[in-house]
């Protein structure tokens, strides 16, 4: 295998030094690229409104105002909207797991007739722009009288073609011998899924869960349409609604607080997420 630098050159003292310098510089650049926006948001929230709006912007606040986060929590009533968003995101997550996992298991292991056709039609929906689905989905939700109900978000999110594809690809790697052994022991499809498949599918379930929760948590357009009642809106919609009347530093503090659960969720489950994304098979 040919590479830019030969293995022999890397074994020399100069090669190791150059490799170490390049690797360290690249790592620093990528770390700064990911952490600087977080730093900018957190420090921006602790600046005064005048300093936050001035040009050129200051890298370090002249005066620190950590109390802005407490002001944002009280003035924006974040506790109420956190609960609204948690209900919406949690329900969307449960709905997706309830629909996507059995669907992927059926397509992968039960192999129904025209299963590949069904999967192809599911994947074809990914080619449609999200804006094209807004009107028919909104009309359907309105006809079902689900406006201002969390179910207006849960039901459209339930059948996710991308998550079904991810789950199916993972289930395809599970040896069929495990399924046959469960059948010989008298286990039906539901029991096989619950007792055999799910315990060894935790990595991919973590990936699908993170995708489902993050998508529902940060979604804006759809919650804006289906929650005209301001008291039932999610964080993303509420922050946009009050942006005009709220001091800039308080608004930025609210955005930082709204993003903290997703950052914490990723940090808590990053090992499972990476394992799910890199899982390519199982060793028997």
C-alpha atoms as a PDB file:
ATOM      1  CA  UNK A   1       0.000   0.000   0.000  1.00  0.00           C
ATOM      2  CA  UNK A   2       1.435   3.354  -1.061  1.00  0.00           C
ATOM      3  CA  UNK A   3       1.160   6.383   1.205  1.00  0.00           C
ATOM      4  CA  UNK A   4       2.426   9.964   1.101  1.00  0.00           C
ATOM      5  CA  UNK A   5       5.190   9.052   3.534  1.00  0.00           C
ATOM      6  CA  UNK A   6       6.826   5.638   3.466  1.00  0.00           C
ATOM      7  CA  UNK A   7       6.889   3.526   6.649  1.00  0.00           C
ATOM      8  CA  UNK A   8      10.701   3.601   6.490  1.00  0.00           C
ATOM      9  CA  UNK A   9      10.760   7.402   6.599  1.00  0.00           C
ATOM     10  CA  UNK A  10       8.394   7.427   9.568  1.00  0.00           C
ATOM     11  CA  UNK A  11      10.749   5.199  11.529  1.00  0.00           C
ATOM     12  CA  UNK A  12      13.586   7.733  11.305  1.00  0.00           C
ATOM     13  CA  UNK A  13      14.090  10.409  13.948  1.00  0.00           C
ATOM     14  CA  UNK A  14      13.259  13.187  11.508  1.00  0.00           C
ATOM     15  CA  UNK A  15      10.189  11.340  10.241  1.00  0.00           C
ATOM     16  CA  UNK A  16       8.858  10.846  13.771  1.00  0.00           C
ATOM     17  CA  UNK A  17       9.475  14.512  14.566  1.00  0.00           C
ATOM     18  CA  UNK A  18       7.704  15.751  11.432  1.00  0.00           C
ATOM     19  CA  UNK A  19       4.827  13.327  11.972  1.00  0.00           C
ATOM     20  CA  UNK A  20       4.441  14.428  15.591  1.00  0.00           C
ATOM     21  CA  UNK A  21       4.449  18.130  14.684  1.00  0.00           C
ATOM     22  CA  UNK A  22       1.949  17.712  11.838  1.00  0.00           C
ATOM     23  CA  UNK A  23      -0.323  15.489  13.907  1.00  0.00           C
ATOM     24  CA  UNK A  24      -0.239  17.895  16.879  1.00  0.00           C
ATOM     25  CA  UNK A  25      -0.921  20.960  14.726  1.00  0.00           C
ATOM     26  CA  UNK A  26      -3.795  19.215  12.942  1.00  0.00           C
ATOM     27  CA  UNK A  27      -5.298  18.103  16.248  1.00  0.00           C
ATOM     28  CA  UNK A  28      -5.067  21.621  17.682  1.00  0.00           C
ATOM     29  CA  UNK A  29      -6.690  23.153  14.597  1.00  0.00           C
ATOM     30  CA  UNK A  30      -9.623  20.725  14.699  1.00  0.00           C
ATOM     31  CA  UNK A  31     -10.090  21.132  18.464  1.00  0.00           C
ATOM     32  CA  UNK A  32     -10.146  24.916  18.127  1.00  0.00           C
ATOM     33  CA  UNK A  33     -12.539  24.718  15.191  1.00  0.00           C
ATOM     34  CA  UNK A  34     -15.018  22.761  17.306  1.00  0.00           C
ATOM     35  CA  UNK A  35     -14.497  24.487  20.668  1.00  0.00           C
ATOM     36  CA  UNK A  36     -14.226  28.113  19.570  1.00  0.00           C
ATOM     37  CA  UNK A  37     -17.940  28.484  18.684  1.00  0.00           C
ATOM     38  CA  UNK A  38     -18.817  27.117  22.124  1.00  0.00           C
ATOM     39  CA  UNK A  39     -16.388  29.520  23.780  1.00  0.00           C
ATOM     40  CA  UNK A  40     -17.741  32.416  21.709  1.00  0.00           C
ATOM     41  CA  UNK A  41     -21.328  31.667  22.716  1.00  0.00           C
ATOM     42  CA  UNK A  42     -20.583  31.215  26.430  1.00  0.00           C
ATOM     43  CA  UNK A  43     -18.410  34.319  26.717  1.00  0.00           C
ATOM     44  CA  UNK A  44     -20.857  36.303  24.575  1.00  0.00           C
ATOM     45  CA  UNK A  45     -23.609  35.551  27.061  1.00  0.00           C
ATOM     46  CA  UNK A  46     -21.428  36.925  29.884  1.00  0.00           C
ATOM     47  CA  UNK A  47     -20.765  40.249  28.135  1.00  0.00           C
ATOM     48  CA  UNK A  48     -22.886  43.332  28.559  1.00  0.00           C
ATOM     49  CA  UNK A  49     -25.336  44.074  25.708  1.00  0.00           C
ATOM     50  CA  UNK A  50     -23.233  47.050  24.631  1.00  0.00           C
ATOM     51  CA  UNK A  51     -19.987  45.073  24.528  1.00  0.00           C
ATOM     52  CA  UNK A  52     -21.653  42.180  22.733  1.00  0.00           C
ATOM     53  CA  UNK A  53     -22.922  44.504  19.993  1.00  0.00           C
ATOM     54  CA  UNK A  54     -19.752  46.556  19.541  1.00  0.00           C
ATOM     55  CA  UNK A  55     -17.463  46.269  16.498  1.00  0.00           C
ATOM     56  CA  UNK A  56     -14.815  44.907  16.434  1.00  0.00           C
ATOM     57  CA  UNK A  57     -15.875  42.161  18.818  1.00  0.00           C
ATOM     58  CA  UNK A  58     -13.860  41.454  21.941  1.00  0.00           C
ATOM     59  CA  UNK A  59     -12.363  38.002  22.353  1.00  0.00           C
ATOM     60  CA  UNK A  60     -12.419  38.195  26.161  1.00  0.00           C
ATOM     61  CA  UNK A  61     -15.178  40.117  28.004  1.00  0.00           C
ATOM     62  CA  UNK A  62     -14.054  43.353  29.662  1.00  0.00           C
ATOM     63  CA  UNK A  63     -16.536  42.675  32.455  1.00  0.00           C
ATOM     64  CA  UNK A  64     -17.902  39.247  33.294  1.00  0.00           C
ATOM     65  CA  UNK A  65     -21.635  38.897  33.923  1.00  0.00           C
ATOM     66  CA  UNK A  66     -22.347  35.231  34.788  1.00  0.00           C
ATOM     67  CA  UNK A  67     -25.649  36.300  36.306  1.00  0.00           C
ATOM     68  CA  UNK A  68     -26.944  36.622  32.743  1.00  0.00           C
ATOM     69  CA  UNK A  69     -27.663  32.884  32.719  1.00  0.00           C
ATOM     70  CA  UNK A  70     -29.906  33.201  35.773  1.00  0.00           C
ATOM     71  CA  UNK A  71     -31.608  36.226  34.216  1.00  0.00           C
ATOM     72  CA  UNK A  72     -32.215  34.251  31.008  1.00  0.00           C
ATOM     73  CA  UNK A  73     -33.724  31.336  32.943  1.00  0.00           C
ATOM     74  CA  UNK A  74     -36.163  33.635  34.742  1.00  0.00           C
ATOM     75  CA  UNK A  75     -36.997  36.126  31.990  1.00  0.00           C
ATOM     76  CA  UNK A  76     -37.445  33.516  29.275  1.00  0.00           C
ATOM     77  CA  UNK A  77     -39.262  31.059  31.566  1.00  0.00           C
ATOM     78  CA  UNK A  78     -36.916  28.364  30.303  1.00  0.00           C
ATOM     79  CA  UNK A  79     -38.102  25.725  32.742  1.00  0.00           C
ATOM     80  CA  UNK A  80     -41.521  25.585  31.098  1.00  0.00           C
ATOM     81  CA  UNK A  81     -40.137  25.441  27.554  1.00  0.00           C
ATOM     82  CA  UNK A  82     -37.504  22.883  28.525  1.00  0.00           C
ATOM     83  CA  UNK A  83     -40.348  20.649  29.684  1.00  0.00           C
ATOM     84  CA  UNK A  84     -42.270  21.229  26.440  1.00  0.00           C
ATOM     85  CA  UNK A  85     -39.213  20.345  24.369  1.00  0.00           C
ATOM     86  CA  UNK A  86     -38.439  17.318  26.527  1.00  0.00           C
ATOM     87  CA  UNK A  87     -41.966  15.952  26.003  1.00  0.00           C
ATOM     88  CA  UNK A  88     -41.755  16.510  22.240  1.00  0.00           C
ATOM     89  CA  UNK A  89     -38.243  15.052  21.860  1.00  0.00           C
ATOM     90  CA  UNK A  90     -38.851  12.135  24.224  1.00  0.00           C
ATOM     91  CA  UNK A  91     -42.079  11.163  22.508  1.00  0.00           C
ATOM     92  CA  UNK A  92     -40.488  11.400  19.058  1.00  0.00           C
ATOM     93  CA  UNK A  93     -37.648   9.171  20.273  1.00  0.00           C
ATOM     94  CA  UNK A  94     -39.993   6.507  21.667  1.00  0.00           C
ATOM     95  CA  UNK A  95     -42.188   6.626  18.559  1.00  0.00           C
ATOM     96  CA  UNK A  96     -39.197   6.106  16.279  1.00  0.00           C
ATOM     97  CA  UNK A  97     -37.883   3.182  18.291  1.00  0.00           C
ATOM     98  CA  UNK A  98     -41.355   1.585  18.401  1.00  0.00           C
ATOM     99  CA  UNK A  99     -41.748   1.789  14.608  1.00  0.00           C
ATOM    100  CA  UNK A 100     -38.227   1.732  13.153  1.00  0.00           C
ATOM    101  CA  UNK A 101     -36.747  -1.174  15.131  1.00  0.00           C
ATOM    102  CA  UNK A 102     -39.493  -3.736  14.267  1.00  0.00           C
ATOM    103  CA  UNK A 103     -39.555  -2.504  10.660  1.00  0.00           C
ATOM    104  CA  UNK A 104     -35.799  -2.920  10.278  1.00  0.00           C
ATOM    105  CA  UNK A 105     -35.896  -6.330  11.980  1.00  0.00           C
ATOM    106  CA  UNK A 106     -38.662  -7.509   9.648  1.00  0.00           C
ATOM    107  CA  UNK A 107     -36.827  -6.325   6.535  1.00  0.00           C
ATOM    108  CA  UNK A 108     -33.538  -7.820   7.688  1.00  0.00           C
ATOM    109  CA  UNK A 109     -34.439 -11.147   9.273  1.00  0.00           C
ATOM    110  CA  UNK A 110     -38.044 -11.997   8.426  1.00  0.00           C
ATOM    111  CA  UNK A 111     -37.472 -11.148   4.745  1.00  0.00           C
ATOM    112  CA  UNK A 112     -41.071 -10.552   3.621  1.00  0.00           C
ATOM    113  CA  UNK A 113     -42.058 -10.611  -0.032  1.00  0.00           C
ATOM    114  CA  UNK A 114     -41.148  -7.416  -1.851  1.00  0.00           C
ATOM    115  CA  UNK A 115     -39.093  -6.381   1.163  1.00  0.00           C
ATOM    116  CA  UNK A 116     -36.421  -4.836  -1.038  1.00  0.00           C
ATOM    117  CA  UNK A 117     -39.098  -2.909  -2.926  1.00  0.00           C
ATOM    118  CA  UNK A 118     -40.494  -1.558   0.349  1.00  0.00           C
ATOM    119  CA  UNK A 119     -37.011  -0.573   1.492  1.00  0.00           C
ATOM    120  CA  UNK A 120     -36.326   1.105  -1.847  1.00  0.00           C
ATOM    121  CA  UNK A 121     -39.542   3.113  -1.592  1.00  0.00           C
ATOM    122  CA  UNK A 122     -38.598   4.148   1.945  1.00  0.00           C
ATOM    123  CA  UNK A 123     -35.172   5.316   0.827  1.00  0.00           C
ATOM    124  CA  UNK A 124     -36.739   7.156  -2.106  1.00  0.00           C
ATOM    125  CA  UNK A 125     -38.508   9.426   0.388  1.00  0.00           C
ATOM    126  CA  UNK A 126     -35.094  10.722   1.467  1.00  0.00           C
ATOM    127  CA  UNK A 127     -34.737  12.322  -1.975  1.00  0.00           C
ATOM    128  CA  UNK A 128     -37.754  14.545  -1.355  1.00  0.00           C
ATOM    129  CA  UNK A 129     -36.943  17.969   0.115  1.00  0.00           C
ATOM    130  CA  UNK A 130     -38.388  18.462   3.574  1.00  0.00           C
ATOM    131  CA  UNK A 131     -40.231  21.596   2.426  1.00  0.00           C
ATOM    132  CA  UNK A 132     -42.204  19.554  -0.101  1.00  0.00           C
ATOM    133  CA  UNK A 133     -43.658  17.415   2.697  1.00  0.00           C
ATOM    134  CA  UNK A 134     -44.725  20.275   4.955  1.00  0.00           C
ATOM    135  CA  UNK A 135     -48.060  21.053   3.296  1.00  0.00           C
ATOM    136  CA  UNK A 136     -49.445  17.477   2.984  1.00  0.00           C
ATOM    137  CA  UNK A 137     -48.225  16.594   6.468  1.00  0.00           C
ATOM    138  CA  UNK A 138     -49.752  19.757   7.931  1.00  0.00           C
ATOM    139  CA  UNK A 139     -53.074  19.074   6.207  1.00  0.00           C
ATOM    140  CA  UNK A 140     -53.078  15.528   7.593  1.00  0.00           C
ATOM    141  CA  UNK A 141     -52.282  16.714  11.118  1.00  0.00           C
ATOM    142  CA  UNK A 142     -54.997  19.368  10.877  1.00  0.00           C
ATOM    143  CA  UNK A 143     -57.585  16.826   9.694  1.00  0.00           C
ATOM    144  CA  UNK A 144     -56.710  14.638  12.679  1.00  0.00           C
ATOM    145  CA  UNK A 145     -57.148  17.637  15.020  1.00  0.00           C
ATOM    146  CA  UNK A 146     -53.615  17.309  16.397  1.00  0.00           C
ATOM    147  CA  UNK A 147     -52.660  20.997  16.316  1.00  0.00           C
ATOM    148  CA  UNK A 148     -51.074  22.068  19.627  1.00  0.00           C
ATOM    149  CA  UNK A 149     -50.634  18.388  20.546  1.00  0.00           C
ATOM    150  CA  UNK A 150     -47.193  16.724  20.898  1.00  0.00           C
ATOM    151  CA  UNK A 151     -48.568  13.896  18.749  1.00  0.00           C
ATOM    152  CA  UNK A 152     -48.342  16.289  15.797  1.00  0.00           C
ATOM    153  CA  UNK A 153     -44.560  15.893  16.097  1.00  0.00           C
ATOM    154  CA  UNK A 154     -44.440  12.294  17.287  1.00  0.00           C
ATOM    155  CA  UNK A 155     -46.455  10.701  14.485  1.00  0.00           C
ATOM    156  CA  UNK A 156     -44.682  12.285  11.456  1.00  0.00           C
ATOM    157  CA  UNK A 157     -41.319  11.473  13.049  1.00  0.00           C
ATOM    158  CA  UNK A 158     -42.174   7.841  13.784  1.00  0.00           C
ATOM    159  CA  UNK A 159     -41.295   6.275  10.422  1.00  0.00           C
ATOM    160  CA  UNK A 160     -37.789   7.492   9.643  1.00  0.00           C
ATOM    161  CA  UNK A 161     -36.331   5.895   6.504  1.00  0.00           C
ATOM    162  CA  UNK A 162     -32.737   6.762   7.371  1.00  0.00           C
ATOM    163  CA  UNK A 163     -32.955   5.200  10.831  1.00  0.00           C
ATOM    164  CA  UNK A 164     -34.627   2.092   9.401  1.00  0.00           C
ATOM    165  CA  UNK A 165     -31.770   1.759   6.923  1.00  0.00           C
ATOM    166  CA  UNK A 166     -29.138   2.135   9.664  1.00  0.00           C
ATOM    167  CA  UNK A 167     -30.855  -0.460  11.837  1.00  0.00           C
ATOM    168  CA  UNK A 168     -31.316  -2.883   8.958  1.00  0.00           C
ATOM    169  CA  UNK A 169     -27.642  -2.654   7.998  1.00  0.00           C
ATOM    170  CA  UNK A 170     -26.693  -3.491  11.577  1.00  0.00           C
ATOM    171  CA  UNK A 171     -29.197  -6.339  11.867  1.00  0.00           C
ATOM    172  CA  UNK A 172     -27.867  -7.788   8.597  1.00  0.00           C
ATOM    173  CA  UNK A 173     -24.527  -8.373  10.351  1.00  0.00           C
ATOM    174  CA  UNK A 174     -26.123 -10.497  13.083  1.00  0.00           C
ATOM    175  CA  UNK A 175     -25.595 -14.192  12.255  1.00  0.00           C
ATOM    176  CA  UNK A 176     -28.728 -15.992  11.126  1.00  0.00           C
ATOM    177  CA  UNK A 177     -27.678 -18.888  13.357  1.00  0.00           C
ATOM    178  CA  UNK A 178     -28.783 -16.876  16.392  1.00  0.00           C
ATOM    179  CA  UNK A 179     -32.246 -16.427  14.887  1.00  0.00           C
ATOM    180  CA  UNK A 180     -32.505 -20.125  13.971  1.00  0.00           C
ATOM    181  CA  UNK A 181     -31.437 -21.153  17.468  1.00  0.00           C
ATOM    182  CA  UNK A 182     -34.128 -18.928  18.959  1.00  0.00           C
ATOM    183  CA  UNK A 183     -36.727 -20.465  16.652  1.00  0.00           C
ATOM    184  CA  UNK A 184     -35.705 -23.975  17.667  1.00  0.00           C
ATOM    185  CA  UNK A 185     -36.198 -22.959  21.287  1.00  0.00           C
ATOM    186  CA  UNK A 186     -39.740 -21.889  20.473  1.00  0.00           C
ATOM    187  CA  UNK A 187     -39.195 -18.135  20.392  1.00  0.00           C
ATOM    188  CA  UNK A 188     -41.404 -16.153  18.045  1.00  0.00           C
ATOM    189  CA  UNK A 189     -40.334 -13.025  16.137  1.00  0.00           C
ATOM    190  CA  UNK A 190     -41.305 -10.630  18.946  1.00  0.00           C
ATOM    191  CA  UNK A 191     -39.469 -12.609  21.620  1.00  0.00           C
ATOM    192  CA  UNK A 192     -36.451 -13.032  19.338  1.00  0.00           C
ATOM    193  CA  UNK A 193     -36.320  -9.300  18.773  1.00  0.00           C
ATOM    194  CA  UNK A 194     -36.695  -8.506  22.467  1.00  0.00           C
ATOM    195  CA  UNK A 195     -34.431 -11.176  23.955  1.00  0.00           C
ATOM    196  CA  UNK A 196     -31.801 -11.718  21.247  1.00  0.00           C
ATOM    197  CA  UNK A 197     -31.543  -8.751  18.877  1.00  0.00           C
ATOM    198  CA  UNK A 198     -31.991  -5.731  21.125  1.00  0.00           C
ATOM    199  CA  UNK A 199     -29.384  -6.668  23.796  1.00  0.00           C
ATOM    200  CA  UNK A 200     -26.621  -6.924  21.168  1.00  0.00           C
ATOM    201  CA  UNK A 201     -27.823  -3.848  19.265  1.00  0.00           C
ATOM    202  CA  UNK A 202     -27.120  -1.234  21.912  1.00  0.00           C
ATOM    203  CA  UNK A 203     -24.510   0.667  19.852  1.00  0.00           C
ATOM    204  CA  UNK A 204     -26.788   1.236  16.873  1.00  0.00           C
ATOM    205  CA  UNK A 205     -29.751   1.937  19.161  1.00  0.00           C
ATOM    206  CA  UNK A 206     -27.649   4.660  20.789  1.00  0.00           C
ATOM    207  CA  UNK A 207     -26.909   6.184  17.382  1.00  0.00           C
ATOM    208  CA  UNK A 208     -30.558   6.132  16.337  1.00  0.00           C
ATOM    209  CA  UNK A 209     -31.613   7.533  19.708  1.00  0.00           C
ATOM    210  CA  UNK A 210     -29.174  10.419  19.495  1.00  0.00           C
ATOM    211  CA  UNK A 211     -30.279  11.244  15.953  1.00  0.00           C
ATOM    212  CA  UNK A 212     -33.948  11.128  16.948  1.00  0.00           C
ATOM    213  CA  UNK A 213     -33.575  13.270  20.062  1.00  0.00           C
ATOM    214  CA  UNK A 214     -31.275  15.867  18.497  1.00  0.00           C
ATOM    215  CA  UNK A 215     -33.486  16.215  15.412  1.00  0.00           C
ATOM    216  CA  UNK A 216     -36.618  16.743  17.502  1.00  0.00           C
ATOM    217  CA  UNK A 217     -34.817  19.040  19.966  1.00  0.00           C
ATOM    218  CA  UNK A 218     -33.472  21.460  17.369  1.00  0.00           C
ATOM    219  CA  UNK A 219     -36.344  21.342  14.866  1.00  0.00           C
ATOM    220  CA  UNK A 220     -37.892  24.749  14.205  1.00  0.00           C
ATOM    221  CA  UNK A 221     -40.166  24.888  11.161  1.00  0.00           C
ATOM    222  CA  UNK A 222     -42.488  22.006  12.056  1.00  0.00           C
ATOM    223  CA  UNK A 223     -43.001  22.955  15.748  1.00  0.00           C
ATOM    224  CA  UNK A 224     -43.600  26.544  14.592  1.00  0.00           C
ATOM    225  CA  UNK A 225     -46.475  25.322  12.397  1.00  0.00           C
ATOM    226  CA  UNK A 226     -48.133  22.860  14.764  1.00  0.00           C
ATOM    227  CA  UNK A 227     -47.802  24.848  18.029  1.00  0.00           C
ATOM    228  CA  UNK A 228     -49.570  28.189  17.488  1.00  0.00           C
ATOM    229  CA  UNK A 229     -50.230  28.305  21.245  1.00  0.00           C
ATOM    230  CA  UNK A 230     -47.158  30.086  22.651  1.00  0.00           C
ATOM    231  CA  UNK A 231     -47.459  28.207  25.937  1.00  0.00           C
ATOM    232  CA  UNK A 232     -46.891  24.865  24.186  1.00  0.00           C
ATOM    233  CA  UNK A 233     -43.993  25.886  21.944  1.00  0.00           C
ATOM    234  CA  UNK A 234     -40.533  24.345  22.057  1.00  0.00           C
ATOM    235  CA  UNK A 235     -37.296  26.104  22.929  1.00  0.00           C
ATOM    236  CA  UNK A 236     -36.241  26.791  19.354  1.00  0.00           C
ATOM    237  CA  UNK A 237     -39.560  28.435  18.485  1.00  0.00           C
ATOM    238  CA  UNK A 238     -39.756  30.421  21.713  1.00  0.00           C
ATOM    239  CA  UNK A 239     -36.214  31.807  21.365  1.00  0.00           C
ATOM    240  CA  UNK A 240     -36.975  33.036  17.859  1.00  0.00           C
ATOM    241  CA  UNK A 241     -40.268  34.580  19.000  1.00  0.00           C
ATOM    242  CA  UNK A 242     -38.707  36.643  21.812  1.00  0.00           C
ATOM    243  CA  UNK A 243     -35.510  37.548  19.937  1.00  0.00           C
ATOM    244  CA  UNK A 244     -36.719  41.044  19.012  1.00  0.00           C
ATOM    245  CA  UNK A 245     -37.687  42.144  22.524  1.00  0.00           C
ATOM    246  CA  UNK A 246     -34.956  40.471  24.575  1.00  0.00           C
ATOM    247  CA  UNK A 247     -31.477  41.917  25.331  1.00  0.00           C
ATOM    248  CA  UNK A 248     -28.892  40.259  23.113  1.00  0.00           C
ATOM    249  CA  UNK A 249     -26.776  38.808  25.916  1.00  0.00           C
ATOM    250  CA  UNK A 250     -29.861  37.301  27.609  1.00  0.00           C
ATOM    251  CA  UNK A 251     -30.925  35.766  24.307  1.00  0.00           C
ATOM    252  CA  UNK A 252     -27.460  34.253  23.761  1.00  0.00           C
ATOM    253  CA  UNK A 253     -27.497  32.899  27.326  1.00  0.00           C
ATOM    254  CA  UNK A 254     -30.848  31.259  26.608  1.00  0.00           C
ATOM    255  CA  UNK A 255     -29.439  29.651  23.471  1.00  0.00           C
ATOM    256  CA  UNK A 256     -26.469  28.314  25.423  1.00  0.00           C
ATOM    257  CA  UNK A 257     -28.725  26.835  28.103  1.00  0.00           C
ATOM    258  CA  UNK A 258     -30.964  25.319  25.428  1.00  0.00           C
ATOM    259  CA  UNK A 259     -27.990  23.552  23.809  1.00  0.00           C
ATOM    260  CA  UNK A 260     -26.483  22.167  27.026  1.00  0.00           C
ATOM    261  CA  UNK A 261     -28.682  19.010  27.210  1.00  0.00           C
ATOM    262  CA  UNK A 262     -27.646  17.929  23.713  1.00  0.00           C
ATOM    263  CA  UNK A 263     -23.954  18.535  24.443  1.00  0.00           C
ATOM    264  CA  UNK A 264     -24.241  16.557  27.683  1.00  0.00           C
ATOM    265  CA  UNK A 265     -26.118  13.775  25.885  1.00  0.00           C
ATOM    266  CA  UNK A 266     -23.411  13.432  23.271  1.00  0.00           C
ATOM    267  CA  UNK A 267     -20.608  13.458  25.851  1.00  0.00           C
ATOM    268  CA  UNK A 268     -22.397  10.810  27.918  1.00  0.00           C
ATOM    269  CA  UNK A 269     -22.987   8.445  24.995  1.00  0.00           C
ATOM    270  CA  UNK A 270     -20.099   9.252  22.664  1.00  0.00           C
ATOM    271  CA  UNK A 271     -18.531   5.814  23.141  1.00  0.00           C
ATOM    272  CA  UNK A 272     -21.761   4.070  22.173  1.00  0.00           C
ATOM    273  CA  UNK A 273     -22.248   6.421  19.215  1.00  0.00           C
ATOM    274  CA  UNK A 274     -18.781   5.740  17.807  1.00  0.00           C
ATOM    275  CA  UNK A 275     -19.225   2.003  18.381  1.00  0.00           C
ATOM    276  CA  UNK A 276     -22.525   2.061  16.512  1.00  0.00           C
ATOM    277  CA  UNK A 277     -21.156   4.050  13.579  1.00  0.00           C
ATOM    278  CA  UNK A 278     -18.120   1.784  13.180  1.00  0.00           C
ATOM    279  CA  UNK A 279     -19.864  -1.533  13.836  1.00  0.00           C
ATOM    280  CA  UNK A 280     -19.357  -3.671  10.774  1.00  0.00           C
ATOM    281  CA  UNK A 281     -20.020  -7.155  12.030  1.00  0.00           C
ATOM    282  CA  UNK A 282     -20.104  -9.581  14.923  1.00  0.00           C
ATOM    283  CA  UNK A 283     -17.663 -12.261  15.882  1.00  0.00           C
ATOM    284  CA  UNK A 284     -19.296 -15.500  16.892  1.00  0.00           C
END
